[in-house]
Amino acid sequence: MAVSETAKEKKLRLTHEAQQGRDAEEMLSRFGDKWVEAAGEKALLDLLKAKNQDELLQVQADYRAATNLYGRLRSAVAKGKRAAEMLHKEAINNGNNG
């Protein structure tokens, strides 16, 4: 049976998620497109330089790690926006009820 979180715990969790989303969005806005493009170019150059299967697998792993990080940042942005929306709605509801 799952333990339900208190209103204060929920607010803290949502605040934390919203902040993580803002941080991730800032990183993406500063470095995202350039970083992903650079990772792709580096992967292509590394593929051309690869001398054996192990090096090819390492290039694949490095590129996958870069794209996974980008995906996690995008996911954090979306989760943060949802959390911020929930906090805003709760603030409005509490303002109308208080």
Protein backbone atom coordinates (compact mmCIF):
# COMPACT_ATOMS: atom_id res chain seq x y z
CA MET A 1 0.00 0.00 0.00
CA ALA A 2 1.49 3.33 -1.05
CA VAL A 3 1.82 6.05 1.55
CA SER A 4 0.16 9.23 0.42
CA GLU A 5 2.20 12.42 0.57
CA THR A 6 1.10 15.38 2.62
CA ALA A 7 0.21 18.68 1.00
CA LYS A 8 3.52 20.12 2.20
CA GLU A 9 5.50 17.17 0.81
CA LYS A 10 3.67 17.50 -2.50
CA LYS A 11 4.42 21.22 -2.67
CA LEU A 12 8.12 20.57 -1.91
CA ARG A 13 8.29 17.82 -4.55
CA LEU A 14 6.59 19.97 -7.19
CA THR A 15 8.81 22.94 -6.32
CA HIS A 16 11.90 20.75 -6.70
CA GLU A 17 10.67 19.33 -10.03
CA ALA A 18 9.86 22.82 -11.30
CA GLN A 19 13.36 24.04 -10.38
CA GLN A 20 15.00 21.05 -12.06
CA GLY A 21 12.96 21.81 -15.17
CA ARG A 22 14.08 25.45 -15.17
CA ASP A 23 17.71 24.37 -14.73
CA ALA A 24 17.44 21.85 -17.57
CA GLU A 25 15.75 24.43 -19.79
CA GLU A 26 18.55 26.90 -19.13
CA MET A 27 21.16 24.28 -20.05
CA LEU A 28 19.31 23.42 -23.23
CA SER A 29 18.83 27.03 -24.22
CA ARG A 30 22.51 27.79 -23.71
CA PHE A 31 24.10 24.63 -25.08
CA GLY A 32 21.44 22.24 -26.37
CA ASP A 33 21.44 22.62 -30.14
CA LYS A 34 25.15 23.38 -30.39
CA TRP A 35 26.02 20.53 -28.07
CA VAL A 36 23.88 17.95 -29.90
CA GLU A 37 25.25 19.07 -33.26
CA ALA A 38 28.83 18.87 -31.95
CA ALA A 39 28.19 15.39 -30.50
CA GLY A 40 26.90 14.21 -33.87
CA GLU A 41 29.88 15.67 -35.74
CA LYS A 42 32.30 14.12 -33.24
CA ALA A 43 30.60 10.74 -33.63
CA LEU A 44 30.94 10.90 -37.40
CA LEU A 45 34.63 11.80 -37.17
CA ASP A 46 35.22 9.08 -34.59
CA LEU A 47 33.47 6.54 -36.84
CA LEU A 48 35.87 7.40 -39.65
CA LYS A 49 38.85 7.03 -37.32
CA ALA A 50 37.70 3.77 -35.71
CA LYS A 51 40.17 0.97 -36.32
CA ASN A 52 38.24 -1.99 -34.96
CA GLN A 53 34.88 -3.17 -33.65
CA ASP A 54 35.66 -2.12 -30.07
CA GLU A 55 36.25 1.47 -31.17
CA LEU A 56 33.04 1.42 -33.22
CA LEU A 57 31.12 0.18 -30.19
CA GLN A 58 32.67 2.92 -28.06
CA VAL A 59 31.60 5.59 -30.57
CA GLN A 60 28.09 4.17 -30.53
CA ALA A 61 28.03 4.14 -26.71
CA ASP A 62 29.33 7.71 -26.50
CA TYR A 63 26.77 8.98 -28.98
CA ARG A 64 23.97 7.09 -27.24
CA ALA A 65 25.03 8.59 -23.90
CA ALA A 66 24.96 12.09 -25.40
CA THR A 67 21.52 11.62 -26.94
CA ASN A 68 20.20 10.04 -23.74
CA LEU A 69 21.40 13.03 -21.73
CA TYR A 70 19.69 15.38 -24.17
CA GLY A 71 16.50 13.33 -23.87
CA ARG A 72 16.64 13.38 -20.07
CA LEU A 73 17.08 17.16 -20.10
CA ARG A 74 14.08 17.56 -22.42
CA SER A 75 12.07 15.27 -20.15
CA ALA A 76 13.08 17.28 -17.07
CA VAL A 77 11.92 20.46 -18.81
CA ALA A 78 8.51 18.94 -19.56
CA LYS A 79 8.16 17.51 -16.04
CA GLY A 80 9.19 20.85 -14.55
CA LYS A 81 6.60 22.73 -16.61
CA ARG A 82 3.88 20.33 -15.49
CA ALA A 83 4.98 20.75 -11.86
CA ALA A 84 4.98 24.55 -12.20
CA GLU A 85 1.48 24.43 -13.68
CA MET A 86 0.25 22.29 -10.79
CA LEU A 87 1.81 24.66 -8.25
CA HIS A 88 0.18 27.62 -10.00
CA LYS A 89 -3.24 25.94 -10.03
CA GLU A 90 -2.93 25.04 -6.35
CA ALA A 91 -1.90 28.58 -5.48
CA ILE A 92 -4.92 29.96 -7.32
CA ASN A 93 -7.25 27.43 -5.68
CA ASN A 94 -5.83 28.12 -2.23
CA GLY A 95 -6.11 31.86 -2.83
CA ASN A 96 -9.76 31.50 -3.75
CA ASN A 97 -10.48 29.21 -0.80
CA GLY A 98 -8.57 31.18 1.81
